[in-house]
Amino acid sequence: MRIFKTVMREIPENLLSVFFVNTLSAVAATSIVGIVSAATKEAANGKISGRLLLMFAISILLFHVTQIHTLVTSSIDSERLIHKLRIRLFNLVRKTDLVTIDRIGRANVQGVLTQDTQILAEVLPMLVIGFQHAIILVFLAIYLAWLSPLACVLAFGLAGLTVSVRFKRVHSLRALMQSAASAEGRVFDGLTELLNGFKEVRMNGPRADGVINTLREASHTSRTTNSLLKAQWGRNYAIIEAMLYSLAGLIVFVVPLFVDGFFQVALPATIAVLFIAGPVSTVSFVTPMLTQAELALENIETMEKNLSAAAEAASCEETGRLENDTLSIALHEATLSYRDTSGSPLFSVGPLNAEFKAGQITFITGGNGSGKSTLLRLLTGLIPLDSGSVLTNGIPVTTEQMQDYRNRISAIFSDFHLSRRLYSIKDPDPVKINTLLERLEMHDKVSVCNGSFSTIDLSTGQRKRLALIVAELEDKQVIVLDEWAADQDPHFRRIFYEELLPDLKARGKIVISVTHDDRWFHLADRIYKMNEGRIEEQL
């Protein structure tokens, strides 16, 4: 099975010790059964054996110690496995191109890295416990077969039937479980609609009634489905418990009909069967978890395979370095086509020819859907070109040099993400930070302590100012600003165009800004306009 192959490949160090300890645990459990049986006979004769008491205490202690070892080791090893899988996936995501991430879907990547790995973390220790109890059942079977072969066959036949019935009944609930999950999802979607659209709901009575009615229907469906599911779980539990208790009746009422002299071993056999019930219940509980673990691991391995293909293609991007300072960057005959799953083109840009020089401000304009965002993604090396090349200082950037090229660019995209921690800044200068906070009028709202912003719970425009502070601290040669001023008030929009951009230009930066503010077009040294995937320079 996939889960066992993965464990043997990723964390083989403790497998032998776990197997050995589980075997000791099984020996201890079987010894307890034998000792209790012998002590019961002694008690029937009015005697208490000190020797049996000592043996019982030693067996209990051994079982306790081995149980703790198994639980602790399996928990540590499962977390170690999850850590290895996550770190490997983290690194693959880091090396994967943007097109692959968009194609796979961020939600899918996040689901695998959180939900599926969490399922493994929870299930693996339970599987180890199930394995331990399976070994105990093997030793109890040997003990029971020594007492009465027929009792052993009948008892473990019924035990196997119990496990099979539980597995099949749990498997039959899968559709109902999916329906319950879907119903809960609709409740969550309705709640999201209520909270995210709270202003609109408060402003419109009929809309509020509609949202609440939808939530009520979704909650009713969830209640009905979950009630059916829990009722079926209850029936299954009752059936399994009845079958387990039937084991004792099988030994007491059925076996004596076929085995002469069974009364001599009836008591120890019955005690053994009662001890069997616990491990059988555990094994029957754990068995369906194998399917759950296999599905989670399949999702993880599929994600790793998809990411590995893209990461391998980009593996050589970090091996080369650009020789000189960046005085210009450009696109030359660059093309790209977005394609659907069948490979048919959905939207194409290019051929694109554009140059951006140090000490110049370049504006990029164009309507929605004209290709501005794609242009920036190509120019910053986030997505590979179908054809053409990216140039720096007039020389094509090779695949091996692409990461070094990206490292020379600071970009604030329209869908930017602001990290609270200043990951890319080593030993930030407090004086420079305070100067930037004051210049961008954020000194009364945010401070920097221990390499992190005190808060990022701000408006979009204010978070863009913090992102610009990060870009200033990075002090790279190229700065790309995608509609940065769109979320600023008129006062700070003027500061951006009339003070911040000219200052960047004066410091010799390559300044690239996507904008629709034609009031400030006169400040640009060069203006490019995107239109239906084509670019032209405005003279």
Protein backbone atom coordinates (compact mmCIF):
# COMPACT_ATOMS: atom_id res chain seq x y z
CA MET A 1 0.00 0.00 0.00
CA ARG A 2 1.06 3.58 -0.71
CA ILE A 3 1.13 4.60 2.96
CA PHE A 4 3.51 1.81 3.98
CA LYS A 5 5.82 2.46 1.02
CA THR A 6 5.95 6.14 1.95
CA VAL A 7 6.73 5.43 5.60
CA MET A 8 9.50 2.99 4.66
CA ARG A 9 10.97 5.50 2.20
CA GLU A 10 10.69 8.69 4.27
CA ILE A 11 11.05 7.65 7.94
CA PRO A 12 12.54 4.13 8.10
CA GLU A 13 14.72 4.79 11.18
CA ASN A 14 12.33 3.58 13.89
CA LEU A 15 10.42 0.86 12.04
CA LEU A 16 12.32 -2.05 13.59
CA SER A 17 12.12 -0.63 17.10
CA VAL A 18 8.38 0.04 16.72
CA PHE A 19 7.81 -3.52 15.49
CA PHE A 20 9.87 -4.94 18.37
CA VAL A 21 8.09 -2.81 20.99
CA ASN A 22 4.68 -3.70 19.53
CA THR A 23 5.63 -7.37 19.77
CA LEU A 24 6.60 -6.89 23.43
CA SER A 25 3.27 -5.16 23.98
CA ALA A 26 1.44 -8.12 22.45
CA VAL A 27 3.39 -10.56 24.64
CA ALA A 28 2.50 -8.48 27.71
CA ALA A 29 -1.19 -8.36 26.78
CA THR A 30 -1.32 -12.10 26.19
CA SER A 31 0.51 -12.71 29.47
CA ILE A 32 -2.09 -10.63 31.27
CA VAL A 33 -4.84 -12.86 29.86
CA GLY A 34 -3.06 -16.03 30.99
CA ILE A 35 -2.22 -14.62 34.42
CA VAL A 36 -5.79 -13.42 35.00
CA SER A 37 -7.10 -16.85 34.02
CA ALA A 38 -4.71 -18.60 36.42
CA ALA A 39 -5.44 -16.13 39.20
CA THR A 40 -9.18 -16.67 38.72
CA LYS A 41 -8.74 -20.40 39.33
CA GLU A 42 -6.67 -19.65 42.44
CA ALA A 43 -9.33 -17.25 43.70
CA ALA A 44 -12.03 -19.89 43.15
CA ASN A 45 -10.10 -22.08 45.60
CA GLY A 46 -9.84 -19.23 48.10
CA LYS A 47 -6.16 -18.51 47.41
CA ILE A 48 -4.22 -15.44 46.25
CA SER A 49 -0.89 -16.14 44.60
CA GLY A 50 1.87 -13.63 45.29
CA ARG A 51 3.83 -14.98 42.34
CA LEU A 52 0.90 -14.37 39.96
CA LEU A 53 0.41 -10.90 41.43
CA LEU A 54 4.06 -10.04 40.75
CA MET A 55 3.84 -11.43 37.23
CA PHE A 56 0.64 -9.45 36.66
CA ALA A 57 2.28 -6.22 37.87
CA ILE A 58 5.31 -6.79 35.63
CA SER A 59 3.07 -7.50 32.62
CA ILE A 60 0.97 -4.39 33.27
CA LEU A 61 4.13 -2.27 33.59
CA LEU A 62 5.57 -3.72 30.38
CA PHE A 63 2.32 -3.11 28.51
CA HIS A 64 2.15 0.45 29.87
CA VAL A 65 5.74 1.28 28.89
CA THR A 66 5.46 -0.22 25.41
CA GLN A 67 2.14 1.54 24.85
CA ILE A 68 3.66 4.90 25.76
CA HIS A 69 6.68 4.23 23.54
CA THR A 70 4.44 3.35 20.61
CA LEU A 71 2.21 6.41 21.01
CA VAL A 72 5.08 8.86 21.51
CA THR A 73 7.26 7.43 18.73
CA SER A 74 4.41 7.24 16.22
CA SER A 75 3.33 10.81 17.00
CA ILE A 76 6.87 12.15 16.63
CA ASP A 77 7.51 10.17 13.45
CA SER A 78 4.20 11.19 11.89
CA GLU A 79 4.99 14.86 12.50
CA ARG A 80 8.49 14.29 11.12
CA LEU A 81 6.97 12.80 7.97
CA ILE A 82 4.54 15.69 7.60
CA HIS A 83 7.40 18.16 8.09
CA LYS A 84 9.46 16.49 5.35
CA LEU A 85 6.53 16.43 2.93
CA ARG A 86 5.60 20.05 3.63
CA ILE A 87 9.15 21.39 3.30
CA ARG A 88 9.54 19.53 0.01
CA LEU A 89 6.28 20.98 -1.27
CA PHE A 90 7.18 24.47 0.02
CA ASN A 91 10.42 24.38 -1.97
CA LEU A 92 8.64 23.09 -5.06
CA VAL A 93 6.07 25.90 -4.84
CA ARG A 94 8.92 28.40 -4.49
CA LYS A 95 10.56 27.13 -7.67
CA THR A 96 7.37 26.75 -9.71
CA ASP A 97 6.37 29.35 -12.29
CA LEU A 98 3.25 31.49 -11.90
CA VAL A 99 1.42 29.82 -14.80
CA THR A 100 1.63 26.44 -13.09
CA ILE A 101 0.41 27.84 -9.77
CA ASP A 102 -2.53 29.52 -11.53
CA ARG A 103 -3.31 26.31 -13.43
CA ILE A 104 -3.21 24.09 -10.35
CA GLY A 105 -5.05 26.66 -8.25
CA ARG A 106 -3.92 28.27 -5.02
CA ALA A 107 -6.83 26.72 -3.13
CA ASN A 108 -5.76 23.24 -4.25
CA VAL A 109 -2.15 23.84 -3.19
CA GLN A 110 -3.29 25.20 0.16
CA GLY A 111 -5.69 22.28 0.64
CA VAL A 112 -2.95 19.72 0.11
CA LEU A 113 -0.48 21.54 2.36
CA THR A 114 -2.97 21.95 5.20
CA GLN A 115 -5.89 19.52 5.07
CA ASP A 116 -4.29 16.46 3.48
CA THR A 117 -1.10 16.68 5.53
CA GLN A 118 -3.21 17.19 8.66
CA ILE A 119 -5.21 14.06 7.84
CA LEU A 120 -1.95 12.10 7.63
CA ALA A 121 -0.73 13.59 10.91
CA GLU A 122 -3.92 12.48 12.67
CA VAL A 123 -4.30 9.07 11.02
CA LEU A 124 -0.73 7.74 11.15
CA PRO A 125 -0.55 7.32 14.96
CA MET A 126 -3.93 5.58 14.86
CA LEU A 127 -2.65 3.21 12.18
CA VAL A 128 0.32 2.34 14.39
CA ILE A 129 -2.05 1.62 17.29
CA GLY A 130 -4.14 -0.50 14.95
CA PHE A 131 -1.02 -2.40 13.92
CA GLN A 132 -0.12 -2.92 17.58
CA HIS A 133 -3.56 -4.33 18.33
CA ALA A 134 -3.36 -6.55 15.25
CA ILE A 135 -0.16 -8.10 16.69
CA ILE A 136 -1.94 -8.54 20.02
CA LEU A 137 -4.71 -10.40 18.19
CA VAL A 138 -2.12 -12.71 16.62
CA PHE A 139 -0.73 -13.65 20.04
CA LEU A 140 -4.22 -14.02 21.51
CA ALA A 141 -5.11 -16.28 18.58
CA ILE A 142 -2.11 -18.48 19.36
CA TYR A 143 -3.13 -18.60 23.03
CA LEU A 144 -6.77 -19.37 22.22
CA ALA A 145 -5.79 -22.02 19.66
CA TRP A 146 -3.67 -23.68 22.37
CA LEU A 147 -6.74 -23.78 24.61
CA SER A 148 -9.22 -24.82 21.90
CA PRO A 149 -8.65 -24.76 18.13
CA LEU A 150 -12.40 -24.66 17.44
CA ALA A 151 -12.91 -21.76 19.84
CA CYS A 152 -10.09 -19.91 18.08
CA VAL A 153 -11.55 -20.50 14.61
CA LEU A 154 -15.07 -19.47 15.62
CA ALA A 155 -13.97 -16.46 17.66
CA PHE A 156 -11.67 -15.03 15.01
CA GLY A 157 -14.11 -15.90 12.26
CA LEU A 158 -16.72 -13.74 13.99
CA ALA A 159 -14.08 -11.08 14.75
CA GLY A 160 -13.09 -10.95 11.07
CA LEU A 161 -16.75 -10.70 10.11
CA THR A 162 -17.14 -7.81 12.57
CA VAL A 163 -14.24 -5.90 11.01
CA SER A 164 -15.58 -6.58 7.52
CA VAL A 165 -19.10 -5.46 8.42
CA ARG A 166 -17.83 -2.25 9.99
CA PHE A 167 -15.60 -1.47 7.01
CA LYS A 168 -18.41 -2.06 4.50
CA ARG A 169 -20.96 -0.08 6.49
CA VAL A 170 -18.56 2.84 6.91
CA HIS A 171 -17.74 2.67 3.20
CA SER A 172 -21.47 2.72 2.39
CA LEU A 173 -21.76 6.02 4.29
CA ARG A 174 -19.27 7.79 2.01
CA ALA A 175 -21.98 9.32 -0.20
CA LEU A 176 -23.89 10.50 2.87
CA MET A 177 -20.68 11.94 4.35
CA GLN A 178 -20.02 13.83 1.11
CA SER A 179 -23.60 15.14 1.15
CA ALA A 180 -23.12 16.28 4.74
CA ALA A 181 -19.86 18.04 3.83
CA SER A 182 -21.55 19.67 0.83
CA ALA A 183 -24.44 20.83 3.01
CA GLU A 184 -22.02 22.33 5.53
CA GLY A 185 -20.25 24.04 2.64
CA ARG A 186 -23.51 25.68 1.54
CA VAL A 187 -24.07 26.93 5.09
CA PHE A 188 -20.54 28.38 5.08
CA ASP A 189 -21.12 30.00 1.66
CA GLY A 190 -24.35 31.56 2.92
CA LEU A 191 -22.62 32.84 6.05
CA THR A 192 -19.85 34.32 3.89
CA GLU A 193 -22.53 36.03 1.77
CA LEU A 194 -24.11 37.47 4.92
CA LEU A 195 -20.87 38.74 6.47
CA ASN A 196 -19.02 39.91 3.35
CA GLY A 197 -22.15 41.58 2.01
CA PHE A 198 -23.26 42.91 5.38
CA LYS A 199 -23.62 46.52 4.21
CA GLU A 200 -25.78 45.49 1.25
CA VAL A 201 -27.86 43.21 3.47
CA ARG A 202 -28.49 46.00 5.98
CA MET A 203 -29.42 48.39 3.19
CA ASN A 204 -31.96 46.10 1.53
CA GLY A 205 -34.70 44.28 3.45
CA PRO A 206 -35.75 41.90 0.63
CA ARG A 207 -32.09 41.04 0.03
CA ALA A 208 -31.65 40.31 3.73
CA ASP A 209 -34.74 38.09 3.71
CA GLY A 210 -33.39 36.21 0.70
CA VAL A 211 -29.98 35.65 2.30
CA ILE A 212 -31.52 34.47 5.59
CA ASN A 213 -33.96 32.17 3.77
CA THR A 214 -31.08 30.66 1.83
CA LEU A 215 -29.16 30.16 5.07
CA ARG A 216 -32.22 28.63 6.71
CA GLU A 217 -32.68 26.16 3.84
CA ALA A 218 -28.98 25.28 3.84
CA SER A 219 -28.97 24.80 7.61
CA HIS A 220 -32.12 22.63 7.40
CA THR A 221 -30.50 20.45 4.74
CA SER A 222 -27.35 20.21 6.86
CA ARG A 223 -29.39 19.26 9.94
CA THR A 224 -31.32 16.57 8.06
CA THR A 225 -28.24 15.09 6.39
CA ASN A 226 -26.13 15.11 9.55
CA SER A 227 -28.99 13.60 11.55
CA LEU A 228 -29.25 10.74 9.07
CA LEU A 229 -25.48 10.30 9.14
CA LYS A 230 -25.25 10.26 12.93
CA ALA A 231 -28.24 7.93 13.22
CA GLN A 232 -26.56 5.51 10.83
CA TRP A 233 -23.32 5.80 12.79
CA GLY A 234 -25.30 4.92 15.91
CA ARG A 235 -26.84 1.87 14.25
CA ASN A 236 -23.44 0.75 13.03
CA TYR A 237 -21.97 1.16 16.50
CA ALA A 238 -24.78 -0.86 18.07
CA ILE A 239 -24.37 -3.66 15.52
CA ILE A 240 -20.61 -3.86 16.04
CA GLU A 241 -20.92 -3.84 19.83
CA ALA A 242 -23.55 -6.59 19.69
CA MET A 243 -21.30 -8.69 17.44
CA LEU A 244 -18.35 -8.23 19.80
CA TYR A 245 -20.37 -9.27 22.85
CA SER A 246 -21.62 -12.26 20.86
CA LEU A 247 -18.05 -13.57 20.97
CA ALA A 248 -18.48 -14.51 24.63
CA GLY A 249 -21.79 -16.21 23.93
CA LEU A 250 -20.19 -18.14 21.09
CA ILE A 251 -17.57 -19.58 23.45
CA VAL A 252 -19.95 -20.32 26.31
CA PHE A 253 -22.94 -21.72 24.38
CA VAL A 254 -21.68 -23.04 21.03
CA VAL A 255 -18.19 -24.47 21.50
CA PRO A 256 -19.19 -26.88 24.34
CA LEU A 257 -21.66 -28.52 21.93
CA PHE A 258 -18.80 -29.70 19.74
CA VAL A 259 -15.81 -30.09 22.08
CA ASP A 260 -15.83 -32.67 24.86
CA GLY A 261 -14.18 -31.55 28.06
CA PHE A 262 -14.27 -27.90 27.01
CA PHE A 263 -15.42 -26.98 30.51
CA GLN A 264 -11.82 -27.42 31.66
CA VAL A 265 -10.67 -24.45 29.54
CA ALA A 266 -13.98 -22.59 29.30
CA LEU A 267 -12.94 -19.91 31.81
CA PRO A 268 -9.55 -18.96 30.29
CA ALA A 269 -11.05 -19.20 26.79
CA THR A 270 -13.89 -16.87 27.75
CA ILE A 271 -11.47 -14.41 29.35
CA ALA A 272 -9.31 -14.52 26.20
CA VAL A 273 -12.34 -13.82 24.01
CA LEU A 274 -13.35 -10.88 26.21
CA PHE A 275 -9.82 -9.51 25.81
CA ILE A 276 -10.13 -9.95 22.04
CA ALA A 277 -13.10 -7.57 21.87
CA GLY A 278 -11.00 -4.44 22.54
CA PRO A 279 -8.33 -5.02 19.87
CA VAL A 280 -10.99 -6.12 17.36
CA SER A 281 -12.89 -2.88 17.99
CA THR A 282 -9.69 -0.87 17.51
CA VAL A 283 -8.74 -2.67 14.29
CA SER A 284 -12.27 -2.27 12.91
CA PHE A 285 -12.13 1.44 13.78
CA VAL A 286 -8.71 1.98 12.21
CA THR A 287 -9.23 -0.04 9.02
CA PRO A 288 -11.40 2.60 7.25
CA MET A 289 -8.74 5.18 8.11
CA LEU A 290 -6.39 3.43 5.71
CA THR A 291 -8.57 4.58 2.82
CA GLN A 292 -8.59 8.11 4.21
CA ALA A 293 -4.80 8.12 4.55
CA GLU A 294 -4.34 6.64 1.08
CA LEU A 295 -6.52 9.36 -0.49
CA ALA A 296 -4.67 12.12 1.37
CA LEU A 297 -1.30 10.70 0.36
CA GLU A 298 -2.44 10.32 -3.24
CA ASN A 299 -3.38 14.02 -3.29
CA ILE A 300 0.01 14.95 -1.83
CA GLU A 301 1.94 12.81 -4.32
CA THR A 302 -0.11 14.11 -7.26
CA MET A 303 0.56 17.69 -6.19
CA GLU A 304 4.26 16.93 -5.75
CA LYS A 305 4.39 15.38 -9.22
CA ASN A 306 2.68 18.38 -10.84
CA LEU A 307 4.89 20.87 -9.05
CA SER A 308 8.05 18.85 -9.68
CA ALA A 309 7.53 18.95 -13.44
CA ALA A 310 7.44 22.75 -13.41
CA ALA A 311 10.17 23.11 -10.79
CA GLU A 312 12.49 20.81 -12.72
CA ALA A 313 12.07 22.96 -15.81
CA ALA A 314 13.05 26.01 -13.74
CA SER A 315 15.78 24.28 -11.74
CA CYS A 316 18.59 25.87 -13.72
CA GLU A 317 17.28 29.43 -13.24
CA GLU A 318 19.39 29.97 -10.12
CA THR A 319 22.71 28.84 -11.58
CA GLY A 320 23.70 31.97 -13.55
CA ARG A 321 24.47 35.60 -12.71
CA LEU A 322 24.18 38.83 -14.67
CA GLU A 323 27.58 40.43 -15.11
CA ASN A 324 26.83 44.17 -14.93
CA ASP A 325 24.52 46.64 -13.21
CA THR A 326 21.08 46.88 -14.78
CA LEU A 327 20.91 50.04 -16.89
CA SER A 328 17.97 48.94 -19.02
CA ILE A 329 15.50 46.09 -19.37
CA ALA A 330 13.42 45.27 -22.41
CA LEU A 331 11.11 42.83 -24.15
CA HIS A 332 12.03 41.83 -27.68
CA GLU A 333 9.41 40.15 -29.88
CA ALA A 334 7.89 38.64 -26.74
CA THR A 335 4.73 36.55 -27.12
CA LEU A 336 2.53 34.52 -24.80
CA SER A 337 -0.75 32.65 -25.20
CA TYR A 338 -2.99 31.63 -22.33
CA ARG A 339 -4.48 28.23 -23.10
CA ASP A 340 -7.32 26.12 -21.75
CA THR A 341 -6.94 22.51 -20.59
CA SER A 342 -7.22 21.26 -24.18
CA GLY A 343 -4.38 23.52 -25.33
CA SER A 344 -6.54 25.97 -27.29
CA PRO A 345 -5.45 29.62 -26.95
CA LEU A 346 -7.76 31.82 -24.87
CA PHE A 347 -5.86 35.12 -25.01
CA SER A 348 -2.60 36.10 -26.65
CA VAL A 349 -0.24 39.03 -26.29
CA GLY A 350 2.55 40.12 -28.55
CA PRO A 351 4.83 40.38 -30.22
CA LEU A 352 5.86 42.94 -27.61
CA ASN A 353 8.80 45.31 -28.01
CA ALA A 354 9.46 47.78 -25.22
CA GLU A 355 12.52 49.23 -23.48
CA PHE A 356 12.83 50.72 -20.00
CA LYS A 357 15.93 52.73 -19.07
CA ALA A 358 17.63 53.81 -15.86
CA GLY A 359 16.90 57.37 -14.80
CA GLN A 360 13.60 57.36 -16.68
CA ILE A 361 9.94 57.14 -15.71
CA THR A 362 7.91 54.94 -18.02
CA PHE A 363 4.12 54.86 -17.85
CA ILE A 364 2.09 51.92 -19.16
CA THR A 365 -1.56 52.57 -19.90
CA GLY A 366 -4.45 50.75 -21.51
CA GLY A 367 -7.98 49.54 -20.89
CA ASN A 368 -9.09 46.61 -18.80
CA GLY A 369 -8.13 43.32 -20.42
CA SER A 370 -5.64 44.99 -22.75
CA GLY A 371 -2.73 42.89 -21.45
CA LYS A 372 -1.03 45.26 -18.99
CA SER A 373 -0.78 42.67 -16.20
CA THR A 374 0.55 40.05 -18.62
CA LEU A 375 3.14 42.55 -19.86
CA LEU A 376 4.38 43.08 -16.30
CA ARG A 377 4.48 39.34 -15.62
CA LEU A 378 6.57 38.79 -18.73
CA LEU A 379 8.83 41.76 -18.03
CA THR A 380 9.49 40.68 -14.44
CA GLY A 381 10.19 37.07 -15.44
CA LEU A 382 7.24 35.62 -13.53
CA ILE A 383 6.01 33.63 -16.51
CA PRO A 384 8.08 32.21 -19.37
CA LEU A 385 7.73 33.57 -22.89
CA ASP A 386 6.35 31.47 -25.71
CA SER A 387 8.83 33.24 -27.97
CA GLY A 388 11.06 36.28 -27.95
CA SER A 389 13.37 37.32 -25.14
CA VAL A 390 13.84 39.47 -22.06
CA LEU A 391 16.84 41.79 -22.34
CA THR A 392 19.02 43.54 -19.80
CA ASN A 393 21.48 46.12 -21.09
CA GLY A 394 20.51 44.92 -24.58
CA ILE A 395 21.63 41.33 -23.90
CA PRO A 396 19.12 38.42 -23.69
CA VAL A 397 18.64 37.04 -20.19
CA THR A 398 19.34 33.31 -20.25
CA THR A 399 17.30 30.75 -18.37
CA GLU A 400 20.20 30.30 -15.95
CA GLN A 401 20.25 34.05 -15.21
CA MET A 402 16.49 34.49 -14.75
CA GLN A 403 16.43 34.32 -10.94
CA ASP A 404 19.26 36.85 -10.66
CA TYR A 405 17.30 39.05 -13.07
CA ARG A 406 14.17 38.81 -10.90
CA ASN A 407 16.24 39.57 -7.80
CA ARG A 408 17.02 43.01 -9.27
CA ILE A 409 13.35 44.03 -9.47
CA SER A 410 10.97 45.31 -6.79
CA ALA A 411 7.35 45.02 -7.86
CA ILE A 412 4.06 46.09 -6.31
CA PHE A 413 1.34 44.46 -8.38
CA SER A 414 -2.33 45.47 -8.32
CA ASP A 415 -3.10 42.20 -6.49
CA PHE A 416 -0.06 42.61 -4.23
CA HIS A 417 0.49 40.76 -0.97
CA LEU A 418 2.06 42.58 1.96
CA SER A 419 3.91 40.47 4.50
CA ARG A 420 4.03 41.76 8.03
CA ARG A 421 7.62 40.57 8.38
CA LEU A 422 10.39 42.22 6.35
CA TYR A 423 11.71 38.95 4.94
CA SER A 424 13.98 40.47 2.30
CA ILE A 425 15.57 43.12 4.53
CA LYS A 426 18.56 42.15 6.64
CA ASP A 427 19.32 44.46 9.56
CA PRO A 428 16.94 47.28 8.50
CA ASP A 429 18.17 50.78 9.33
CA PRO A 430 15.80 52.28 11.95
CA VAL A 431 16.61 55.83 10.86
CA LYS A 432 15.81 55.09 7.22
CA ILE A 433 12.62 53.27 8.20
CA ASN A 434 11.40 56.19 10.30
CA THR A 435 12.25 58.62 7.51
CA LEU A 436 10.25 56.57 5.01
CA LEU A 437 7.31 56.18 7.41
CA GLU A 438 7.19 59.95 7.88
CA ARG A 439 7.55 60.66 4.17
CA LEU A 440 4.71 58.31 3.32
CA GLU A 441 2.68 59.67 6.25
CA MET A 442 2.48 56.33 8.06
CA HIS A 443 4.59 57.17 11.13
CA ASP A 444 1.50 57.72 13.30
CA LYS A 445 -0.07 54.39 12.29
CA VAL A 446 2.74 51.87 11.96
CA SER A 447 6.15 51.18 13.44
CA VAL A 448 8.78 48.52 12.74
CA CYS A 449 9.96 46.31 15.58
CA ASN A 450 12.12 43.18 15.35
CA GLY A 451 11.97 43.22 11.57
CA SER A 452 8.15 43.36 11.37
CA PHE A 453 5.47 45.99 10.88
CA SER A 454 3.45 46.58 14.04
CA THR A 455 0.27 46.11 11.99
CA ILE A 456 -0.88 45.62 8.40
CA ASP A 457 -4.58 45.83 9.28
CA LEU A 458 -4.93 48.97 7.18
CA SER A 459 -6.70 50.27 4.10
CA THR A 460 -5.50 49.11 0.68
CA GLY A 461 -3.91 52.47 -0.02
CA GLN A 462 -2.04 52.46 3.29
CA ARG A 463 -0.82 48.90 2.76
CA LYS A 464 0.46 49.98 -0.66
CA ARG A 465 2.48 52.69 1.07
CA LEU A 466 4.03 50.07 3.35
CA ALA A 467 4.79 47.94 0.28
CA LEU A 468 6.56 50.94 -1.24
CA ILE A 469 8.57 51.32 1.97
CA VAL A 470 9.67 47.69 1.60
CA ALA A 471 10.66 48.38 -2.01
CA GLU A 472 12.66 51.43 -0.91
CA LEU A 473 14.44 49.37 1.76
CA GLU A 474 15.27 46.68 -0.81
CA ASP A 475 16.83 49.46 -2.94
CA LYS A 476 16.80 47.53 -6.20
CA GLN A 477 17.59 49.02 -9.58
CA VAL A 478 14.15 48.36 -11.09
CA ILE A 479 10.83 49.26 -9.47
CA VAL A 480 7.49 48.24 -10.97
CA LEU A 481 4.31 49.90 -9.69
CA ASP A 482 1.01 48.49 -10.98
CA GLU A 483 -1.72 51.13 -10.52
CA TRP A 484 -0.13 52.06 -7.19
CA ALA A 485 -1.89 55.44 -7.01
CA ALA A 486 -5.36 54.05 -7.70
CA ASP A 487 -6.11 53.56 -3.98
CA GLN A 488 -4.58 56.82 -2.75
CA ASP A 489 -6.44 59.99 -1.84
CA PRO A 490 -5.92 63.06 -4.09
CA HIS A 491 -3.36 64.54 -1.68
CA PHE A 492 -1.12 61.50 -1.67
CA ARG A 493 -1.68 60.82 -5.36
CA ARG A 494 -0.09 64.19 -6.05
CA ILE A 495 2.83 63.33 -3.74
CA PHE A 496 3.31 60.04 -5.59
CA TYR A 497 3.51 61.58 -9.05
CA GLU A 498 5.21 64.87 -8.24
CA GLU A 499 7.63 63.79 -5.49
CA LEU A 500 8.11 60.02 -5.14
CA LEU A 501 8.48 59.10 -8.81
CA PRO A 502 10.83 62.02 -9.64
CA ASP A 503 12.96 61.09 -6.61
CA LEU A 504 13.28 57.49 -7.85
CA LYS A 505 14.21 58.83 -11.29
CA ALA A 506 16.82 61.17 -9.82
CA ARG A 507 18.45 58.19 -8.08
CA GLY A 508 18.88 56.44 -11.42
CA LYS A 509 16.16 53.81 -10.96
CA ILE A 510 14.29 52.16 -13.80
CA VAL A 511 10.76 53.31 -12.89
CA ILE A 512 7.81 51.51 -14.50
CA SER A 513 4.30 52.55 -13.50
CA VAL A 514 0.95 51.31 -14.80
CA THR A 515 -1.46 54.23 -14.58
CA HIS A 516 -4.63 55.81 -15.99
CA ASP A 517 -3.96 59.27 -14.51
CA ASP A 518 -3.47 61.29 -17.71
CA ARG A 519 -3.13 64.47 -15.60
CA TRP A 520 0.46 63.41 -14.87
CA PHE A 521 1.43 61.92 -18.22
CA HIS A 522 3.70 64.93 -18.78
CA LEU A 523 5.97 63.61 -16.00
CA ALA A 524 6.80 60.44 -17.92
CA ASP A 525 9.86 60.13 -20.14
CA ARG A 526 8.12 57.41 -22.13
CA ILE A 527 4.54 56.12 -22.36
CA TYR A 528 3.47 52.73 -23.71
CA LYS A 529 -0.15 51.88 -24.42
CA MET A 530 -1.47 48.32 -24.40
CA ASN A 531 -4.41 47.49 -26.65
CA GLU A 532 -5.76 43.96 -27.20
CA GLY A 533 -2.41 42.35 -26.43
CA ARG A 534 -0.37 44.75 -28.54
CA ILE A 535 1.90 47.57 -27.39
CA GLU A 536 2.70 50.90 -28.96
CA GLU A 537 4.71 53.87 -27.76
CA GLN A 538 2.87 57.16 -27.35
CA LEU A 539 4.82 60.04 -28.81
